[in-house]
Amino acid sequence: MPAWLAASILIWLLWAALANVLARNPRAEPLTGLVLIFMRLYARGFHRLRVSGREHIPRSMHPGSLIVLCNHTAGVDPVLVQAAVPFEIKWMMGRDMMPARLQGLWEFTGVIPVNRGGGGDTTAARMAMRYLEDDEADGRARSGRNHGGGGVIGIFPEGGIERPPRTILPFQPGVGLLIKRSGAPVLQAIIDGTPQSPTAWGSLFQRSTRAVTIRFLPIRDYRAPEFTKLSATDIAEDLRNRLIQETGWPATNERSAETQR
């Protein structure tokens, strides 16, 4: 066999093997696989991410309807949480934090924009409900799906970044309503140690001075008998109290202007 032919076959086999590895992701797309690998290397190398409570994280890339709930410490939070789980999270994000020049990024990640002006955003809530009920409802083609539907939504229930750090803000009222109406179980995470930047975007480029930690708590299903009598408001309060108890951090009902950054 000519050397050039042997080299061509070897290169093709190596490329096929690499493409197969990159396609092992929720979308079964090599580009998505490459992005996820970069995110994990970035999280572990740049922010020294440490994860505990892994036993509570669903192992499937398609776990069905699930709400990931996390306290909000910095703009880098969605990247770090996504790097810690095997499934894709569709995040709800303040529209005012989504620059138009990054429209391609928002479309690729499938972010659900939320108007934070008060009064609740019914459009965002409906989009989240549809995604929780059927992960193809947003019209984006997704391959490799073999389950009955249901996507994963990511929410920062405080509605803004914690200021000062390690202070628990009030939870947005719509959080409990989404959980109550969807019936989706809740995977609650606690993040700590992210770089404190004056702006949300700044934390993406500022290296953490110490290891960032994410602790996942046992999944809580509010369809269980002990929770069925809870109202939407009760559910939001229950999750906030859980965060307070697990961290020991002080809670406040005051919001500073920096909270929305």
Protein backbone atom coordinates (compact mmCIF):
# COMPACT_ATOMS: atom_id res chain seq x y z
CA MET A 1 0.00 0.00 0.00
CA PRO A 2 1.40 3.40 -0.96
CA ALA A 3 2.50 5.55 1.95
CA TRP A 4 0.17 8.40 0.91
CA LEU A 5 -2.82 6.05 0.93
CA ALA A 6 -1.92 4.65 4.36
CA ALA A 7 -1.51 8.19 5.71
CA SER A 8 -4.89 9.23 4.25
CA ILE A 9 -6.63 6.26 5.83
CA LEU A 10 -5.00 6.99 9.19
CA ILE A 11 -6.03 10.66 9.06
CA TRP A 12 -9.60 9.66 8.14
CA LEU A 13 -9.77 7.18 11.02
CA LEU A 14 -8.44 9.74 13.47
CA TRP A 15 -10.95 12.31 12.26
CA ALA A 16 -13.80 9.81 12.50
CA ALA A 17 -12.78 8.92 16.06
CA LEU A 18 -12.56 12.60 17.02
CA ALA A 19 -15.94 13.38 15.45
CA ASN A 20 -17.46 10.47 17.37
CA VAL A 21 -16.09 11.80 20.65
CA LEU A 22 -17.26 15.34 19.92
CA ALA A 23 -20.74 14.08 19.03
CA ARG A 24 -21.23 12.59 22.51
CA ASN A 25 -23.28 15.48 23.79
CA PRO A 26 -26.99 16.30 24.24
CA ARG A 27 -27.34 17.64 20.69
CA ALA A 28 -25.16 14.95 19.10
CA GLU A 29 -23.34 17.71 17.21
CA PRO A 30 -19.52 17.97 16.95
CA LEU A 31 -19.58 21.77 17.29
CA THR A 32 -21.60 21.54 20.50
CA GLY A 33 -19.19 18.91 21.78
CA LEU A 34 -16.24 21.19 21.08
CA VAL A 35 -17.93 24.08 22.90
CA LEU A 36 -18.71 21.90 25.93
CA ILE A 37 -15.13 20.62 26.13
CA PHE A 38 -13.85 24.20 26.04
CA MET A 39 -16.32 25.22 28.77
CA ARG A 40 -15.18 22.38 31.05
CA LEU A 41 -11.50 23.15 30.52
CA TYR A 42 -12.19 26.84 31.14
CA ALA A 43 -14.18 26.11 34.31
CA ARG A 44 -11.58 23.75 35.76
CA GLY A 45 -8.46 25.59 34.64
CA PHE A 46 -9.39 29.27 34.87
CA HIS A 47 -11.81 29.09 37.81
CA ARG A 48 -10.56 25.85 39.44
CA LEU A 49 -14.13 24.56 39.65
CA ARG A 50 -14.86 21.97 42.34
CA VAL A 51 -18.16 20.11 42.35
CA SER A 52 -19.78 18.24 45.23
CA GLY A 53 -23.09 16.42 45.42
CA ARG A 54 -22.52 14.82 42.02
CA GLU A 55 -24.64 11.87 43.12
CA HIS A 56 -27.68 14.14 42.92
CA ILE A 57 -27.06 15.12 39.27
CA PRO A 58 -28.99 13.03 36.71
CA ARG A 59 -26.48 11.07 34.65
CA SER A 60 -28.48 11.08 31.44
CA MET A 61 -27.85 13.67 28.73
CA HIS A 62 -31.65 13.80 28.38
CA PRO A 63 -33.11 13.61 31.91
CA GLY A 64 -36.52 14.94 30.91
CA SER A 65 -38.27 17.88 32.57
CA LEU A 66 -36.03 19.44 35.19
CA ILE A 67 -35.48 22.88 36.70
CA VAL A 68 -31.95 23.77 37.79
CA LEU A 69 -32.12 26.46 40.47
CA CYS A 70 -28.97 28.32 41.50
CA ASN A 71 -28.04 31.37 43.55
CA HIS A 72 -26.54 34.10 41.38
CA THR A 73 -23.02 35.25 42.26
CA ALA A 74 -21.57 36.45 38.94
CA GLY A 75 -22.14 36.52 35.20
CA VAL A 76 -20.00 33.42 34.78
CA ASP A 77 -22.44 31.27 36.80
CA PRO A 78 -24.31 29.73 33.82
CA VAL A 79 -21.06 28.61 32.23
CA LEU A 80 -19.81 26.98 35.43
CA VAL A 81 -23.08 25.17 36.18
CA GLN A 82 -23.33 23.94 32.58
CA ALA A 83 -19.76 22.65 32.79
CA ALA A 84 -20.71 20.54 35.82
CA VAL A 85 -23.62 18.59 34.30
CA PRO A 86 -23.98 16.15 31.35
CA PHE A 87 -27.23 17.60 30.00
CA GLU A 88 -27.99 20.88 28.26
CA ILE A 89 -29.50 23.70 30.31
CA LYS A 90 -31.64 26.37 28.68
CA TRP A 91 -31.15 29.44 30.88
CA MET A 92 -33.60 32.22 31.61
CA MET A 93 -31.70 35.49 31.40
CA GLY A 94 -32.47 39.19 31.79
CA ARG A 95 -33.05 40.74 28.38
CA ASP A 96 -31.08 43.81 29.46
CA MET A 97 -28.02 41.57 29.93
CA MET A 98 -28.14 40.30 26.32
CA PRO A 99 -26.23 42.65 23.96
CA ALA A 100 -27.66 42.59 20.43
CA ARG A 101 -24.19 42.07 18.96
CA LEU A 102 -24.14 38.62 20.56
CA GLN A 103 -27.43 37.53 18.99
CA GLY A 104 -25.73 34.50 17.43
CA LEU A 105 -24.65 33.33 20.87
CA TRP A 106 -28.15 33.68 22.31
CA GLU A 107 -29.59 31.70 19.40
CA PHE A 108 -26.98 28.96 19.74
CA THR A 109 -27.51 28.57 23.48
CA GLY A 110 -31.29 28.98 23.29
CA VAL A 111 -31.45 31.50 26.13
CA ILE A 112 -34.96 32.56 27.19
CA PRO A 113 -34.97 36.38 27.52
CA VAL A 114 -36.79 37.78 30.53
CA ASN A 115 -37.97 41.35 31.02
CA ARG A 116 -36.91 42.37 34.52
CA GLY A 117 -39.02 45.50 34.70
CA GLY A 118 -41.42 44.05 37.25
CA GLY A 119 -44.86 42.56 37.02
CA GLY A 120 -43.65 39.26 35.65
CA ASP A 121 -42.88 38.25 32.07
CA THR A 122 -45.65 35.95 30.84
CA THR A 123 -44.00 35.41 27.45
CA ALA A 124 -40.81 34.08 29.06
CA ALA A 125 -42.87 31.93 31.42
CA ARG A 126 -44.80 30.40 28.51
CA MET A 127 -41.56 29.67 26.63
CA ALA A 128 -40.11 27.97 29.70
CA MET A 129 -43.27 25.90 30.19
CA ARG A 130 -43.23 24.73 26.58
CA TYR A 131 -39.60 23.71 26.87
CA LEU A 132 -40.22 21.82 30.10
CA GLU A 133 -43.11 19.99 28.49
CA ASP A 134 -41.35 19.20 25.22
CA ASP A 135 -37.72 20.01 24.45
CA GLU A 136 -38.49 20.38 20.74
CA ALA A 137 -41.21 22.97 21.27
CA ASP A 138 -38.91 25.90 20.48
CA GLY A 139 -38.52 24.63 16.91
CA ARG A 140 -34.79 23.96 17.09
CA ALA A 141 -33.77 20.68 15.49
CA ARG A 142 -32.17 18.32 17.97
CA SER A 143 -30.93 14.89 17.08
CA GLY A 144 -30.28 11.88 19.25
CA ARG A 145 -33.45 12.35 21.29
CA ASN A 146 -35.13 9.12 22.28
CA HIS A 147 -37.32 10.15 25.20
CA GLY A 148 -40.82 11.47 25.48
CA GLY A 149 -39.91 15.14 25.74
CA GLY A 150 -39.09 17.59 28.45
CA GLY A 151 -36.07 19.86 28.61
CA VAL A 152 -33.97 21.39 31.39
CA ILE A 153 -34.50 25.01 32.38
CA GLY A 154 -31.96 27.00 34.41
CA ILE A 155 -33.16 29.77 36.74
CA PHE A 156 -31.47 32.27 39.04
CA PRO A 157 -34.44 32.85 41.36
CA GLU A 158 -33.05 36.00 42.98
CA GLY A 159 -33.43 37.82 39.67
CA GLY A 160 -30.02 39.46 39.92
CA ILE A 161 -26.48 39.03 41.17
CA GLU A 162 -26.04 38.84 44.96
CA ARG A 163 -24.70 42.09 46.37
CA PRO A 164 -22.96 41.95 48.76
CA PRO A 165 -21.60 38.44 48.10
CA ARG A 166 -22.97 35.58 50.20
CA THR A 167 -26.20 37.45 50.81
CA ILE A 168 -29.46 35.75 49.90
CA LEU A 169 -31.93 37.98 48.10
CA PRO A 170 -35.70 37.48 47.82
CA PHE A 171 -36.81 34.92 45.26
CA GLN A 172 -38.88 36.10 42.32
CA PRO A 173 -42.58 35.15 42.68
CA GLY A 174 -42.73 33.54 39.24
CA VAL A 175 -40.24 30.87 40.28
CA GLY A 176 -42.71 28.98 42.46
CA LEU A 177 -45.45 29.38 39.87
CA LEU A 178 -43.33 27.80 37.13
CA ILE A 179 -42.44 24.87 39.39
CA LYS A 180 -46.05 24.43 40.53
CA ARG A 181 -47.55 24.53 37.04
CA SER A 182 -44.91 22.45 35.28
CA GLY A 183 -44.57 19.81 37.97
CA ALA A 184 -40.88 19.59 37.05
CA PRO A 185 -38.52 18.40 39.81
CA VAL A 186 -35.93 20.89 41.08
CA LEU A 187 -32.17 20.37 41.20
CA GLN A 188 -30.90 23.11 43.49
CA ALA A 189 -27.26 24.19 43.32
CA ILE A 190 -25.19 26.48 45.53
CA ILE A 191 -22.31 28.32 43.91
CA ASP A 192 -19.58 30.14 45.84
CA GLY A 193 -16.20 31.70 45.21
CA THR A 194 -16.68 33.30 41.80
CA PRO A 195 -14.65 36.45 41.02
CA GLN A 196 -16.32 39.65 42.15
CA SER A 197 -16.39 42.03 39.22
CA PRO A 198 -18.17 45.42 38.96
CA THR A 199 -20.07 44.05 35.97
CA ALA A 200 -21.57 40.64 35.20
CA TRP A 201 -19.49 40.22 32.04
CA GLY A 202 -16.26 41.04 33.86
CA SER A 203 -16.33 37.76 35.79
CA LEU A 204 -15.86 35.84 32.54
CA PHE A 205 -12.38 37.28 32.13
CA GLN A 206 -11.31 37.63 35.76
CA ARG A 207 -9.63 34.56 37.23
CA SER A 208 -10.99 33.34 40.53
CA THR A 209 -8.66 34.01 43.46
CA ARG A 210 -9.74 30.70 45.01
CA ALA A 211 -11.47 27.57 43.82
CA VAL A 212 -15.09 28.05 42.80
CA THR A 213 -17.40 25.47 44.33
CA ILE A 214 -20.78 24.20 43.21
CA ARG A 215 -22.74 21.99 45.59
CA PHE A 216 -25.77 20.16 44.29
CA LEU A 217 -28.54 19.29 46.73
CA PRO A 218 -30.85 16.27 46.44
CA ILE A 219 -33.56 16.75 43.82
CA ARG A 220 -36.82 17.99 45.32
CA ASP A 221 -40.07 16.97 43.64
CA TYR A 222 -42.97 19.20 44.66
CA ARG A 223 -45.45 16.63 43.35
CA ALA A 224 -44.54 14.43 46.32
CA PRO A 225 -47.31 14.05 48.96
CA GLU A 226 -45.50 16.16 51.57
CA PHE A 227 -45.37 19.14 49.19
CA THR A 228 -48.66 18.99 47.27
CA LYS A 229 -50.43 21.45 49.58
CA LEU A 230 -47.78 24.13 49.04
CA SER A 231 -48.80 27.14 46.97
CA ALA A 232 -46.51 28.69 44.38
CA THR A 233 -45.46 31.29 46.95
CA ASP A 234 -44.79 28.55 49.52
CA ILE A 235 -42.59 26.67 47.04
CA ALA A 236 -40.43 29.73 46.35
CA GLU A 237 -40.12 30.40 50.08
CA ASP A 238 -39.29 26.75 50.79
CA LEU A 239 -36.44 26.82 48.27
CA ARG A 240 -35.12 30.11 49.65
CA ASN A 241 -35.21 28.76 53.20
CA ARG A 242 -33.37 25.68 52.01
CA LEU A 243 -30.62 27.89 50.58
CA ILE A 244 -30.41 29.83 53.84
CA GLN A 245 -30.22 26.65 55.93
CA GLU A 246 -27.62 24.98 53.72
CA THR A 247 -25.28 27.99 53.58
CA GLY A 248 -25.88 29.88 56.81
CA TRP A 249 -25.64 33.10 54.78
CA PRO A 250 -27.70 36.11 55.85
CA ALA A 251 -30.90 36.89 53.98
CA THR A 252 -32.11 40.34 53.03
CA ASN A 253 -35.20 41.81 51.46
CA GLU A 254 -33.32 44.85 50.19
CA ARG A 255 -32.02 45.16 46.63
CA SER A 256 -29.24 47.55 45.69
CA ALA A 257 -28.74 49.01 42.22
CA GLU A 258 -25.77 46.67 41.80
CA THR A 259 -28.06 43.65 42.10
CA GLN A 260 -29.23 44.07 38.50
CA ARG A 261 -25.75 44.16 36.97
